[in-house]
Structures are given as structure tokens and as C-alpha cells.
Amino acid sequence: MTHYKQEPTVVPFSAFNAVEDAVALRQAMKGFGTDEQTIIDILTKRSYNQRQEISRTYATEIERELVSDLKSEISGNFSNVIIGLMTSPVEYLCHQLQNALSGVYCDDMAVIEILCTRSCREIKDISTTYEQLFNRPLAEHVCSRTRGDFRRFLTLITTAIRNPPDHVFPKKAKEQAEALHLAGEAKWGTDEAVFNKILTHESHEQLRLVFEEYKNITGRTIKQALQSELSGSLLEAMLTVVECVQNPLPVYYAKQLHKAMAGLGTDDATLIRIIVSRCEIDLGNIKQEYERLFGKTLESDVKGDTSGDYMKALVALIGSLRDTA
């Protein structure tokens, strides 16, 4: 992965008081009607650990279950944002994967976004948690819902066999670039197995050298080569790996957010997943890349594509590092 200084948009609230927050949340949901703004002001401006402390305090002081109360009071995309915030980061991604794999049609792009952007350690954590939650190995579920070379590629990604960052061998990079050329543009048809092996086994640092050598040998970028040789979900998965190798991760997420809001309709699932899962990691970086790439702020596009409490919750998560509640 390309290294960068991570800038979260949600950080621990400095004047945190779990009892005050728990009482305020109960008041917001008590009686007729719901004070959604209080729910937004509190839960989008506390770190995950603080939200968990609020939840424990709610159980002991008020003798009720916070998540159950929230689920009974709010709904739709607004609920998806708030309940997502109340879920542990790794469990949240596992539920997102399970949703993507369990529909009538597999949501390939969601699976690619979650698995092809994560480090080996993150994938191992996701795989372990997935099996605990759903009593089913993640790799087996992925295999059952995908086909052909795309299935083989994802299986290799899911088993987290990528070499560590210190595996960098310039001489080998040249040989691998030549192997990719011979497996693709230099022959009739494509030997996907060669692409699969190199793109899933080698460290990002090694792949960066391989891609540079590829350009030196062929005069074309690896992205151009993949686009001329492959199509569909396999192409998207490999391009995601290439993007993560060549650019800081926030560039990829900024592009995915833009795609989720471009054209008619909004891909709410992607919008929510990226903002909720990255707000305590690098959503600040993603915001900057979004504006650099598209000349508009992420906040303005979210406001234009969403509405109501759902919009307010997303905008609050996109907000600044300053304590505002």
C-alpha cells in the first residue's frame, strides 16, 4: 500500500461523558416522535470506543439496549448509517460482505471494494470474524457466488497470501513484467493465471517495480494492458489492486464515492459503506482527494444526492476534526 498520513474525520470527543450521552439519547427516543438531530449530534461525533461506552452505560443506567431502541425509532438509510456506527469496524465489513454475497445476484463491486483494498492482516481479521458470525468460511462463500478466473483471483486475495512489504526484488520485477507481457499482449488470448499469481502474491512494493518495468518493456501502462486483455469483474478486481499499488488508498475511495453519486440515482450502499468504514481512518484524506479529482467538495455532492436525516448524518461524518457537539 502507498503510505500516507491518515486523517480521520471522527475522533474521540474531548468532553466525553457517557452518562450524559446515554441520558440524552434516551430522551431523544422517549415518548411520541424521535429527536433525530440529537442522535446525529452524539453518535457521529464520538469515536467507536466512546459509542460502545455509551451503549454499556445505556444498559446499566437506563436498563435498555441502545441498538434495539435505535432500530425501533429510526429506519432506512439513516438507520443504516447509525447502526453501522454502532457495529465494530471488522464486523461491519463482514455484514457488508455477507449482504453482497447473499443477494439474488452477487454484488461483485462491493466484494472487490472490501477485499482488494485491504492488507493481509485486515483480510485475515475479516475472514476469522466472518466465520464466527456466519458459521461459514468467507473463502467458501466467495467461491460459491463467483465464477472462473474472477473466482480464482478472489480466492487468492481472500486467503491473504501476499508477500510482506520487504519482499522487493528488482531483477525479479523485470522477469515478472516480461511474464505479464507474454501472458497478455504478446499472445493470442490471455493467460489469466499468470496475472492472478503475480497480482495476488507479490507485495505492493514489488508490484510497483513490476508495473514500472512493464511500461519500460512495452511502452504501455499495466492499466492499458489489463483493459485491452480483460473485462468484467476480473478486470475491475485487478484494476483495484493496480490503483491501490500506484496511488494512496484515498484516491480509490474518492473515485468510488464519485461513481456512487454520478448519473441518475445514488448507490447508497457504497456511499454509506465507505463513509462509515473510513470516517475514523482516512475520510479526511478522501475528502481532499475528492475535491482535487472532481473540483467539488464531497460534502456538496452528498448534500445534492441525499436528503433528510440520512444526509445530515453523512455530512456530520464528513465534517471537520473539531469537536462540534
C-alpha atoms as a PDB file:
ATOM      1  CA  MET A   1       0.000   0.000   0.000  1.00  0.00           C
ATOM      2  CA  THR A   2       1.173   3.540  -0.730  1.00  0.00           C
ATOM      3  CA  HIS A   3       1.812   5.194   2.649  1.00  0.00           C
ATOM      4  CA  TYR A   4       0.147   8.465   3.664  1.00  0.00           C
ATOM      5  CA  LYS A   5      -0.638  10.291   6.904  1.00  0.00           C
ATOM      6  CA  GLN A   6      -4.163   9.232   7.790  1.00  0.00           C
ATOM      7  CA  GLU A   7      -6.643  11.972   8.651  1.00  0.00           C
ATOM      8  CA  PRO A   8      -9.896  10.751  10.229  1.00  0.00           C
ATOM      9  CA  THR A   9     -12.964  12.990  10.383  1.00  0.00           C
ATOM     10  CA  VAL A  10     -14.334  11.325  13.532  1.00  0.00           C
ATOM     11  CA  VAL A  11     -12.031  11.432  16.554  1.00  0.00           C
ATOM     12  CA  PRO A  12     -12.596  10.887  20.292  1.00  0.00           C
ATOM     13  CA  PHE A  13     -14.779  13.673  21.735  1.00  0.00           C
ATOM     14  CA  SER A  14     -12.706  15.617  24.290  1.00  0.00           C
ATOM     15  CA  ALA A  15     -15.592  16.484  26.647  1.00  0.00           C
ATOM     16  CA  PHE A  16     -16.974  12.955  26.602  1.00  0.00           C
ATOM     17  CA  ASN A  17     -19.431  11.892  29.302  1.00  0.00           C
ATOM     18  CA  ALA A  18     -21.050   8.514  28.707  1.00  0.00           C
ATOM     19  CA  VAL A  19     -23.831   9.031  31.274  1.00  0.00           C
ATOM     20  CA  GLU A  20     -24.856  12.396  29.808  1.00  0.00           C
ATOM     21  CA  ASP A  21     -24.858  10.942  26.289  1.00  0.00           C
ATOM     22  CA  ALA A  22     -26.868   7.880  27.328  1.00  0.00           C
ATOM     23  CA  VAL A  23     -29.496  10.018  29.084  1.00  0.00           C
ATOM     24  CA  ALA A  24     -29.699  12.426  26.129  1.00  0.00           C
ATOM     25  CA  LEU A  25     -30.174   9.535  23.688  1.00  0.00           C
ATOM     26  CA  ARG A  26     -32.936   8.035  25.820  1.00  0.00           C
ATOM     27  CA  GLN A  27     -34.698  11.408  25.975  1.00  0.00           C
ATOM     28  CA  ALA A  28     -34.374  11.693  22.184  1.00  0.00           C
ATOM     29  CA  MET A  29     -36.210   8.397  21.698  1.00  0.00           C
ATOM     30  CA  LYS A  30     -38.708   8.571  24.563  1.00  0.00           C
ATOM     31  CA  GLY A  31     -42.377   9.247  24.073  1.00  0.00           C
ATOM     32  CA  PHE A  32     -44.047  10.403  20.864  1.00  0.00           C
ATOM     33  CA  GLY A  33     -41.688  11.187  17.990  1.00  0.00           C
ATOM     34  CA  THR A  34     -37.919  10.997  17.813  1.00  0.00           C
ATOM     35  CA  ASP A  35     -35.305  13.736  18.130  1.00  0.00           C
ATOM     36  CA  GLU A  36     -33.124  12.568  15.238  1.00  0.00           C
ATOM     37  CA  GLN A  37     -30.800  15.581  15.461  1.00  0.00           C
ATOM     38  CA  THR A  38     -29.670  14.603  18.975  1.00  0.00           C
ATOM     39  CA  ILE A  39     -28.930  11.077  17.758  1.00  0.00           C
ATOM     40  CA  ILE A  40     -26.841  12.547  14.922  1.00  0.00           C
ATOM     41  CA  ASP A  41     -25.069  15.104  17.140  1.00  0.00           C
ATOM     42  CA  ILE A  42     -23.978  12.461  19.635  1.00  0.00           C
ATOM     43  CA  LEU A  43     -23.272   9.297  17.643  1.00  0.00           C
ATOM     44  CA  THR A  44     -21.492  10.896  14.662  1.00  0.00           C
ATOM     45  CA  LYS A  45     -19.197  12.908  16.957  1.00  0.00           C
ATOM     46  CA  ARG A  46     -17.940  10.107  19.206  1.00  0.00           C
ATOM     47  CA  SER A  47     -15.310   7.512  18.396  1.00  0.00           C
ATOM     48  CA  TYR A  48     -16.314   3.853  18.111  1.00  0.00           C
ATOM     49  CA  ASN A  49     -14.894   3.122  21.574  1.00  0.00           C
ATOM     50  CA  GLN A  50     -16.877   6.027  23.024  1.00  0.00           C
ATOM     51  CA  ARG A  51     -20.057   4.822  21.302  1.00  0.00           C
ATOM     52  CA  GLN A  52     -19.508   1.409  22.882  1.00  0.00           C
ATOM     53  CA  GLU A  53     -19.095   3.008  26.294  1.00  0.00           C
ATOM     54  CA  ILE A  54     -22.365   4.897  25.739  1.00  0.00           C
ATOM     55  CA  SER A  55     -24.032   1.595  24.834  1.00  0.00           C
ATOM     56  CA  ARG A  56     -22.758  -0.115  28.021  1.00  0.00           C
ATOM     57  CA  THR A  57     -23.801   2.863  30.146  1.00  0.00           C
ATOM     58  CA  TYR A  58     -27.237   2.902  28.497  1.00  0.00           C
ATOM     59  CA  ALA A  59     -27.665  -0.749  29.504  1.00  0.00           C
ATOM     60  CA  THR A  60     -26.602  -0.233  33.131  1.00  0.00           C
ATOM     61  CA  GLU A  61     -28.112   3.212  33.831  1.00  0.00           C
ATOM     62  CA  ILE A  62     -31.298   3.011  31.745  1.00  0.00           C
ATOM     63  CA  GLU A  63     -31.610  -0.779  31.669  1.00  0.00           C
ATOM     64  CA  ARG A  64     -32.382  -0.816  27.960  1.00  0.00           C
ATOM     65  CA  GLU A  65     -30.464  -1.906  24.846  1.00  0.00           C
ATOM     66  CA  LEU A  66     -29.328   1.126  22.851  1.00  0.00           C
ATOM     67  CA  VAL A  67     -29.100  -0.563  19.445  1.00  0.00           C
ATOM     68  CA  SER A  68     -32.569  -2.101  19.899  1.00  0.00           C
ATOM     69  CA  ASP A  69     -34.018   1.289  20.784  1.00  0.00           C
ATOM     70  CA  LEU A  70     -32.320   2.901  17.790  1.00  0.00           C
ATOM     71  CA  LYS A  71     -33.620   0.190  15.439  1.00  0.00           C
ATOM     72  CA  SER A  72     -37.179   0.713  16.691  1.00  0.00           C
ATOM     73  CA  GLU A  73     -37.016   4.509  16.298  1.00  0.00           C
ATOM     74  CA  ILE A  74     -35.174   5.117  13.008  1.00  0.00           C
ATOM     75  CA  SER A  75     -35.284   3.441   9.622  1.00  0.00           C
ATOM     76  CA  GLY A  76     -33.999   3.374   6.044  1.00  0.00           C
ATOM     77  CA  ASN A  77     -30.613   4.735   5.043  1.00  0.00           C
ATOM     78  CA  PHE A  78     -30.460   6.882   8.171  1.00  0.00           C
ATOM     79  CA  SER A  79     -30.693   3.717  10.259  1.00  0.00           C
ATOM     80  CA  ASN A  80     -28.069   2.013   8.074  1.00  0.00           C
ATOM     81  CA  VAL A  81     -25.620   4.824   8.879  1.00  0.00           C
ATOM     82  CA  ILE A  82     -26.306   4.929  12.637  1.00  0.00           C
ATOM     83  CA  ILE A  83     -26.420   1.142  13.181  1.00  0.00           C
ATOM     84  CA  GLY A  84     -23.263   0.881  11.074  1.00  0.00           C
ATOM     85  CA  LEU A  85     -21.545   3.261  13.506  1.00  0.00           C
ATOM     86  CA  MET A  86     -22.636   1.092  16.434  1.00  0.00           C
ATOM     87  CA  THR A  87     -21.091  -2.033  14.871  1.00  0.00           C
ATOM     88  CA  SER A  88     -17.418  -2.950  15.345  1.00  0.00           C
ATOM     89  CA  PRO A  89     -15.404  -1.993  12.226  1.00  0.00           C
ATOM     90  CA  VAL A  90     -14.484  -5.583  11.296  1.00  0.00           C
ATOM     91  CA  GLU A  91     -18.000  -6.913  11.963  1.00  0.00           C
ATOM     92  CA  TYR A  92     -19.409  -4.072   9.865  1.00  0.00           C
ATOM     93  CA  LEU A  93     -17.316  -5.150   6.868  1.00  0.00           C
ATOM     94  CA  CYS A  94     -18.308  -8.787   7.428  1.00  0.00           C
ATOM     95  CA  HIS A  95     -22.005  -7.857   7.345  1.00  0.00           C
ATOM     96  CA  GLN A  96     -21.385  -5.818   4.194  1.00  0.00           C
ATOM     97  CA  LEU A  97     -19.698  -8.814   2.566  1.00  0.00           C
ATOM     98  CA  GLN A  98     -22.471 -11.143   3.643  1.00  0.00           C
ATOM     99  CA  ASN A  99     -25.064  -8.807   2.117  1.00  0.00           C
ATOM    100  CA  ALA A 100     -23.057  -8.582  -1.108  1.00  0.00           C
ATOM    101  CA  LEU A 101     -22.687 -12.373  -1.353  1.00  0.00           C
ATOM    102  CA  SER A 102     -26.221 -13.324  -0.320  1.00  0.00           C
ATOM    103  CA  GLY A 103     -28.397 -11.424  -2.770  1.00  0.00           C
ATOM    104  CA  VAL A 104     -30.071 -12.893  -5.829  1.00  0.00           C
ATOM    105  CA  TYR A 105     -27.061 -11.574  -7.732  1.00  0.00           C
ATOM    106  CA  CYS A 106     -23.638 -11.289  -6.131  1.00  0.00           C
ATOM    107  CA  ASP A 107     -22.585  -7.638  -5.735  1.00  0.00           C
ATOM    108  CA  ASP A 108     -19.137  -8.134  -7.259  1.00  0.00           C
ATOM    109  CA  MET A 109     -18.141  -4.483  -6.914  1.00  0.00           C
ATOM    110  CA  ALA A 110     -18.836  -4.431  -3.165  1.00  0.00           C
ATOM    111  CA  VAL A 111     -16.793  -7.622  -2.688  1.00  0.00           C
ATOM    112  CA  ILE A 112     -13.946  -6.148  -4.763  1.00  0.00           C
ATOM    113  CA  GLU A 113     -14.021  -2.856  -2.851  1.00  0.00           C
ATOM    114  CA  ILE A 114     -13.813  -4.593   0.528  1.00  0.00           C
ATOM    115  CA  LEU A 115     -11.328  -7.390  -0.233  1.00  0.00           C
ATOM    116  CA  CYS A 116      -8.998  -5.968  -2.904  1.00  0.00           C
ATOM    117  CA  THR A 117      -8.167  -2.831  -0.892  1.00  0.00           C
ATOM    118  CA  ARG A 118      -7.271  -4.493   2.410  1.00  0.00           C
ATOM    119  CA  SER A 119      -3.915  -5.621   3.780  1.00  0.00           C
ATOM    120  CA  CYS A 120      -3.279  -9.301   4.512  1.00  0.00           C
ATOM    121  CA  ARG A 121      -3.738  -8.687   8.231  1.00  0.00           C
ATOM    122  CA  GLU A 122      -7.077  -6.965   7.644  1.00  0.00           C
ATOM    123  CA  ILE A 123      -8.259  -9.793   5.369  1.00  0.00           C
ATOM    124  CA  LYS A 124      -7.276 -12.397   7.978  1.00  0.00           C
ATOM    125  CA  ASP A 125      -9.251 -10.473  10.637  1.00  0.00           C
ATOM    126  CA  ILE A 126     -12.260 -10.238   8.320  1.00  0.00           C
ATOM    127  CA  SER A 127     -12.074 -13.954   7.448  1.00  0.00           C
ATOM    128  CA  THR A 128     -11.834 -15.039  11.091  1.00  0.00           C
ATOM    129  CA  THR A 129     -14.712 -12.785  12.159  1.00  0.00           C
ATOM    130  CA  TYR A 130     -16.833 -13.776   9.151  1.00  0.00           C
ATOM    131  CA  GLU A 131     -16.689 -17.453  10.094  1.00  0.00           C
ATOM    132  CA  GLN A 132     -17.508 -16.638  13.726  1.00  0.00           C
ATOM    133  CA  LEU A 133     -20.517 -14.521  12.724  1.00  0.00           C
ATOM    134  CA  PHE A 134     -21.983 -16.687   9.959  1.00  0.00           C
ATOM    135  CA  ASN A 135     -20.549 -20.147  10.692  1.00  0.00           C
ATOM    136  CA  ARG A 136     -19.233 -20.288   7.153  1.00  0.00           C
ATOM    137  CA  PRO A 137     -15.696 -19.701   5.808  1.00  0.00           C
ATOM    138  CA  LEU A 138     -15.523 -16.463   3.819  1.00  0.00           C
ATOM    139  CA  ALA A 139     -13.411 -18.077   1.071  1.00  0.00           C
ATOM    140  CA  GLU A 140     -16.021 -20.812   0.621  1.00  0.00           C
ATOM    141  CA  HIS A 141     -18.870 -18.285   0.395  1.00  0.00           C
ATOM    142  CA  VAL A 142     -16.904 -16.211  -2.146  1.00  0.00           C
ATOM    143  CA  CYS A 143     -16.216 -19.367  -4.184  1.00  0.00           C
ATOM    144  CA  SER A 144     -19.885 -20.337  -4.192  1.00  0.00           C
ATOM    145  CA  ARG A 145     -21.006 -16.982  -5.612  1.00  0.00           C
ATOM    146  CA  THR A 146     -18.309 -16.237  -8.215  1.00  0.00           C
ATOM    147  CA  ARG A 147     -17.056 -17.972 -11.354  1.00  0.00           C
ATOM    148  CA  GLY A 148     -13.978 -18.671 -13.445  1.00  0.00           C
ATOM    149  CA  ASP A 149     -10.838 -16.563 -13.245  1.00  0.00           C
ATOM    150  CA  PHE A 150     -12.611 -13.952 -11.132  1.00  0.00           C
ATOM    151  CA  ARG A 151     -13.324 -16.664  -8.543  1.00  0.00           C
ATOM    152  CA  ARG A 152      -9.697 -17.833  -8.646  1.00  0.00           C
ATOM    153  CA  PHE A 153      -8.452 -14.250  -8.234  1.00  0.00           C
ATOM    154  CA  LEU A 154     -10.741 -13.516  -5.269  1.00  0.00           C
ATOM    155  CA  THR A 155      -9.904 -16.852  -3.630  1.00  0.00           C
ATOM    156  CA  LEU A 156      -6.206 -15.954  -3.734  1.00  0.00           C
ATOM    157  CA  ILE A 157      -6.964 -12.480  -2.331  1.00  0.00           C
ATOM    158  CA  THR A 158      -9.169 -13.937   0.441  1.00  0.00           C
ATOM    159  CA  THR A 159      -6.533 -16.425   1.554  1.00  0.00           C
ATOM    160  CA  ALA A 160      -4.167 -13.466   2.213  1.00  0.00           C
ATOM    161  CA  ILE A 161      -1.032 -14.939   0.679  1.00  0.00           C
ATOM    162  CA  ARG A 162       0.541 -11.647  -0.441  1.00  0.00           C
ATOM    163  CA  ASN A 163       4.232 -11.293   0.351  1.00  0.00           C
ATOM    164  CA  PRO A 164       5.233  -8.796   3.075  1.00  0.00           C
ATOM    165  CA  PRO A 165       6.380  -5.259   2.115  1.00  0.00           C
ATOM    166  CA  ASP A 166      10.092  -6.098   2.421  1.00  0.00           C
ATOM    167  CA  HIS A 167       9.846  -8.619  -0.439  1.00  0.00           C
ATOM    168  CA  VAL A 168      11.253  -6.362  -3.171  1.00  0.00           C
ATOM    169  CA  PHE A 169      13.481  -7.822  -5.892  1.00  0.00           C
ATOM    170  CA  PRO A 170      14.273  -5.526  -8.865  1.00  0.00           C
ATOM    171  CA  LYS A 171      15.701  -8.301 -11.065  1.00  0.00           C
ATOM    172  CA  LYS A 172      12.645 -10.481 -10.463  1.00  0.00           C
ATOM    173  CA  ALA A 173      10.383  -7.485 -11.244  1.00  0.00           C
ATOM    174  CA  LYS A 174      11.761  -7.320 -14.776  1.00  0.00           C
ATOM    175  CA  GLU A 175      11.179 -11.054 -15.268  1.00  0.00           C
ATOM    176  CA  GLN A 176       7.627 -10.731 -13.945  1.00  0.00           C
ATOM    177  CA  ALA A 177       6.890  -7.786 -16.233  1.00  0.00           C
ATOM    178  CA  GLU A 178       8.061  -9.883 -19.185  1.00  0.00           C
ATOM    179  CA  ALA A 179       5.896 -12.785 -17.987  1.00  0.00           C
ATOM    180  CA  LEU A 180       2.841 -10.500 -17.841  1.00  0.00           C
ATOM    181  CA  HIS A 181       3.569  -9.261 -21.352  1.00  0.00           C
ATOM    182  CA  LEU A 182       3.932 -12.802 -22.702  1.00  0.00           C
ATOM    183  CA  ALA A 183       0.729 -13.861 -20.926  1.00  0.00           C
ATOM    184  CA  GLY A 184      -1.270 -10.968 -22.344  1.00  0.00           C
ATOM    185  CA  GLU A 185      -0.494  -8.514 -25.098  1.00  0.00           C
ATOM    186  CA  ALA A 186       2.240 -10.635 -26.710  1.00  0.00           C
ATOM    187  CA  LYS A 187      -0.011 -13.630 -27.379  1.00  0.00           C
ATOM    188  CA  TRP A 188      -3.394 -14.534 -28.830  1.00  0.00           C
ATOM    189  CA  GLY A 189      -5.775 -14.785 -25.891  1.00  0.00           C
ATOM    190  CA  THR A 190      -4.803 -14.189 -22.280  1.00  0.00           C
ATOM    191  CA  ASP A 191      -3.218 -16.477 -19.703  1.00  0.00           C
ATOM    192  CA  GLU A 192      -5.149 -15.140 -16.713  1.00  0.00           C
ATOM    193  CA  ALA A 193      -3.361 -17.499 -14.309  1.00  0.00           C
ATOM    194  CA  VAL A 194      -0.094 -15.547 -14.721  1.00  0.00           C
ATOM    195  CA  PHE A 195      -1.844 -12.251 -13.935  1.00  0.00           C
ATOM    196  CA  ASN A 196      -3.665 -13.869 -10.994  1.00  0.00           C
ATOM    197  CA  LYS A 197      -0.491 -15.218  -9.439  1.00  0.00           C
ATOM    198  CA  ILE A 198       1.616 -12.055  -9.719  1.00  0.00           C
ATOM    199  CA  LEU A 199      -1.110  -9.592  -8.705  1.00  0.00           C
ATOM    200  CA  THR A 200      -2.203 -11.583  -5.638  1.00  0.00           C
ATOM    201  CA  HIS A 201       1.161 -12.929  -4.384  1.00  0.00           C
ATOM    202  CA  GLU A 202       3.575 -10.015  -4.711  1.00  0.00           C
ATOM    203  CA  SER A 203       3.898  -7.155  -2.239  1.00  0.00           C
ATOM    204  CA  HIS A 204       2.602  -3.782  -3.376  1.00  0.00           C
ATOM    205  CA  GLU A 205       6.195  -2.537  -3.297  1.00  0.00           C
ATOM    206  CA  GLN A 206       7.259  -5.321  -5.676  1.00  0.00           C
ATOM    207  CA  LEU A 207       4.237  -4.736  -7.923  1.00  0.00           C
ATOM    208  CA  ARG A 208       5.166  -1.064  -8.212  1.00  0.00           C
ATOM    209  CA  LEU A 209       8.512  -2.153  -9.702  1.00  0.00           C
ATOM    210  CA  VAL A 210       6.806  -4.730 -11.945  1.00  0.00           C
ATOM    211  CA  PHE A 211       4.455  -2.094 -13.360  1.00  0.00           C
ATOM    212  CA  GLU A 212       7.350   0.306 -13.999  1.00  0.00           C
ATOM    213  CA  GLU A 213       9.260  -2.440 -15.811  1.00  0.00           C
ATOM    214  CA  TYR A 214       6.144  -3.289 -17.832  1.00  0.00           C
ATOM    215  CA  LYS A 215       5.981   0.290 -19.099  1.00  0.00           C
ATOM    216  CA  ASN A 216       9.703   0.207 -19.925  1.00  0.00           C
ATOM    217  CA  ILE A 217       9.334  -3.036 -21.895  1.00  0.00           C
ATOM    218  CA  THR A 218       6.068  -2.353 -23.729  1.00  0.00           C
ATOM    219  CA  GLY A 219       5.586   1.413 -23.717  1.00  0.00           C
ATOM    220  CA  ARG A 220       2.126   0.856 -22.255  1.00  0.00           C
ATOM    221  CA  THR A 221       0.851   1.057 -18.694  1.00  0.00           C
ATOM    222  CA  ILE A 222      -0.328  -2.059 -16.888  1.00  0.00           C
ATOM    223  CA  LYS A 223      -3.782  -0.450 -16.733  1.00  0.00           C
ATOM    224  CA  GLN A 224      -3.881  -0.134 -20.538  1.00  0.00           C
ATOM    225  CA  ALA A 225      -2.743  -3.738 -20.861  1.00  0.00           C
ATOM    226  CA  LEU A 226      -5.419  -5.055 -18.498  1.00  0.00           C
ATOM    227  CA  GLN A 227      -8.141  -3.039 -20.210  1.00  0.00           C
ATOM    228  CA  SER A 228      -7.184  -4.434 -23.609  1.00  0.00           C
ATOM    229  CA  GLU A 229      -6.974  -8.040 -22.381  1.00  0.00           C
ATOM    230  CA  LEU A 230      -9.699  -8.483 -19.767  1.00  0.00           C
ATOM    231  CA  SER A 231     -13.269  -7.456 -18.999  1.00  0.00           C
ATOM    232  CA  GLY A 232     -15.986  -7.649 -16.351  1.00  0.00           C
ATOM    233  CA  SER A 233     -15.427  -8.283 -12.666  1.00  0.00           C
ATOM    234  CA  LEU A 234     -11.947  -9.774 -13.090  1.00  0.00           C
ATOM    235  CA  LEU A 235     -10.807  -6.581 -14.818  1.00  0.00           C
ATOM    236  CA  GLU A 236     -12.371  -4.438 -12.056  1.00  0.00           C
ATOM    237  CA  ALA A 237     -10.667  -6.508  -9.346  1.00  0.00           C
ATOM    238  CA  MET A 238      -7.245  -6.278 -10.982  1.00  0.00           C
ATOM    239  CA  LEU A 239      -7.637  -2.553 -11.683  1.00  0.00           C
ATOM    240  CA  THR A 240      -8.481  -2.066  -7.996  1.00  0.00           C
ATOM    241  CA  VAL A 241      -5.216  -3.736  -6.990  1.00  0.00           C
ATOM    242  CA  VAL A 242      -3.328  -1.595  -9.524  1.00  0.00           C
ATOM    243  CA  GLU A 243      -4.985   1.570  -8.167  1.00  0.00           C
ATOM    244  CA  CYS A 244      -4.016   0.656  -4.602  1.00  0.00           C
ATOM    245  CA  VAL A 245      -0.432  -0.049  -5.666  1.00  0.00           C
ATOM    246  CA  GLN A 246       0.052   3.150  -7.650  1.00  0.00           C
ATOM    247  CA  ASN A 247      -1.872   5.672  -5.531  1.00  0.00           C
ATOM    248  CA  PRO A 248      -2.696   6.277  -1.876  1.00  0.00           C
ATOM    249  CA  LEU A 249      -5.866   4.411  -0.892  1.00  0.00           C
ATOM    250  CA  PRO A 250      -7.977   7.604  -0.513  1.00  0.00           C
ATOM    251  CA  VAL A 251      -7.734   8.158  -4.288  1.00  0.00           C
ATOM    252  CA  TYR A 252      -9.535   4.853  -4.892  1.00  0.00           C
ATOM    253  CA  TYR A 253     -12.240   5.616  -2.328  1.00  0.00           C
ATOM    254  CA  ALA A 254     -12.761   9.140  -3.695  1.00  0.00           C
ATOM    255  CA  LYS A 255     -13.351   7.660  -7.153  1.00  0.00           C
ATOM    256  CA  GLN A 256     -15.774   5.073  -5.757  1.00  0.00           C
ATOM    257  CA  LEU A 257     -17.746   7.746  -3.918  1.00  0.00           C
ATOM    258  CA  HIS A 258     -17.947   9.850  -7.073  1.00  0.00           C
ATOM    259  CA  LYS A 259     -19.139   6.842  -9.061  1.00  0.00           C
ATOM    260  CA  ALA A 260     -21.781   6.126  -6.390  1.00  0.00           C
ATOM    261  CA  MET A 261     -23.273   9.588  -6.907  1.00  0.00           C
ATOM    262  CA  ALA A 262     -22.707  10.091 -10.652  1.00  0.00           C
ATOM    263  CA  GLY A 263     -25.611   9.921 -13.087  1.00  0.00           C
ATOM    264  CA  LEU A 264     -29.187   9.040 -12.242  1.00  0.00           C
ATOM    265  CA  GLY A 265     -29.842   7.564  -8.826  1.00  0.00           C
ATOM    266  CA  THR A 266     -27.445   7.033  -5.946  1.00  0.00           C
ATOM    267  CA  ASP A 267     -25.621   3.868  -4.888  1.00  0.00           C
ATOM    268  CA  ASP A 268     -26.500   4.404  -1.223  1.00  0.00           C
ATOM    269  CA  ALA A 269     -24.934   1.143  -0.039  1.00  0.00           C
ATOM    270  CA  THR A 270     -21.498   2.155  -1.367  1.00  0.00           C
ATOM    271  CA  LEU A 271     -21.854   5.729  -0.133  1.00  0.00           C
ATOM    272  CA  ILE A 272     -22.722   4.573   3.395  1.00  0.00           C
ATOM    273  CA  ARG A 273     -20.149   1.767   3.495  1.00  0.00           C
ATOM    274  CA  ILE A 274     -17.189   3.974   2.542  1.00  0.00           C
ATOM    275  CA  ILE A 275     -18.131   6.922   4.760  1.00  0.00           C
ATOM    276  CA  VAL A 276     -18.960   4.763   7.804  1.00  0.00           C
ATOM    277  CA  SER A 277     -15.958   2.430   7.437  1.00  0.00           C
ATOM    278  CA  ARG A 278     -13.388   5.181   6.712  1.00  0.00           C
ATOM    279  CA  CYS A 279     -14.539   8.068   8.959  1.00  0.00           C
ATOM    280  CA  GLU A 280     -12.211   7.017  11.802  1.00  0.00           C
ATOM    281  CA  ILE A 281      -9.341   6.132   9.444  1.00  0.00           C
ATOM    282  CA  ASP A 282      -8.829   8.459   6.491  1.00  0.00           C
ATOM    283  CA  LEU A 283     -12.056  10.161   5.414  1.00  0.00           C
ATOM    284  CA  GLY A 284     -10.226  13.488   5.763  1.00  0.00           C
ATOM    285  CA  ASN A 285      -7.766  12.336   3.081  1.00  0.00           C
ATOM    286  CA  ILE A 286     -10.610  11.026   0.920  1.00  0.00           C
ATOM    287  CA  LYS A 287     -12.338  14.442   1.119  1.00  0.00           C
ATOM    288  CA  GLN A 288      -9.158  16.163  -0.080  1.00  0.00           C
ATOM    289  CA  GLU A 289      -8.670  13.730  -2.966  1.00  0.00           C
ATOM    290  CA  TYR A 290     -12.333  14.067  -3.950  1.00  0.00           C
ATOM    291  CA  GLU A 291     -12.041  17.822  -4.295  1.00  0.00           C
ATOM    292  CA  ARG A 292      -8.700  17.532  -6.112  1.00  0.00           C
ATOM    293  CA  LEU A 293     -10.036  14.972  -8.600  1.00  0.00           C
ATOM    294  CA  PHE A 294     -13.533  16.334  -9.228  1.00  0.00           C
ATOM    295  CA  GLY A 295     -13.372  20.061  -8.407  1.00  0.00           C
ATOM    296  CA  LYS A 296     -16.274  19.804  -5.956  1.00  0.00           C
ATOM    297  CA  THR A 297     -16.392  19.037  -2.258  1.00  0.00           C
ATOM    298  CA  LEU A 298     -17.582  15.632  -1.100  1.00  0.00           C
ATOM    299  CA  GLU A 299     -19.979  17.398   1.261  1.00  0.00           C
ATOM    300  CA  SER A 300     -21.657  19.377  -1.552  1.00  0.00           C
ATOM    301  CA  ASP A 301     -22.145  16.275  -3.702  1.00  0.00           C
ATOM    302  CA  VAL A 302     -23.543  14.285  -0.756  1.00  0.00           C
ATOM    303  CA  LYS A 303     -25.964  17.148   0.001  1.00  0.00           C
ATOM    304  CA  GLY A 304     -27.046  17.136  -3.649  1.00  0.00           C
ATOM    305  CA  ASP A 305     -27.616  13.375  -3.769  1.00  0.00           C
ATOM    306  CA  THR A 306     -29.190  12.620  -0.376  1.00  0.00           C
ATOM    307  CA  SER A 307     -31.763  14.230   1.891  1.00  0.00           C
ATOM    308  CA  GLY A 308     -33.248  14.404   5.380  1.00  0.00           C
ATOM    309  CA  ASP A 309     -31.648  12.846   8.432  1.00  0.00           C
ATOM    310  CA  TYR A 310     -29.700  10.453   6.202  1.00  0.00           C
ATOM    311  CA  MET A 311     -27.994  13.417   4.542  1.00  0.00           C
ATOM    312  CA  LYS A 312     -27.392  15.163   7.888  1.00  0.00           C
ATOM    313  CA  ALA A 313     -25.733  12.043   9.339  1.00  0.00           C
ATOM    314  CA  LEU A 314     -23.406  11.616   6.341  1.00  0.00           C
ATOM    315  CA  VAL A 315     -22.478  15.317   6.328  1.00  0.00           C
ATOM    316  CA  ALA A 316     -21.769  15.150  10.070  1.00  0.00           C
ATOM    317  CA  LEU A 317     -19.380  12.221   9.495  1.00  0.00           C
ATOM    318  CA  ILE A 318     -17.678  14.020   6.604  1.00  0.00           C
ATOM    319  CA  GLY A 319     -17.326  17.131   8.849  1.00  0.00           C
ATOM    320  CA  SER A 320     -14.215  18.539  10.448  1.00  0.00           C
ATOM    321  CA  LEU A 321     -11.782  17.335  13.085  1.00  0.00           C
ATOM    322  CA  ARG A 322     -13.125  19.906  15.540  1.00  0.00           C
ATOM    323  CA  ASP A 323     -15.437  18.868  18.362  1.00  0.00           C
ATOM    324  CA  THR A 324     -18.822  20.221  17.391  1.00  0.00           C
ATOM    325  CA  ALA A 325     -21.177  18.598  19.866  1.00  0.00           C
END
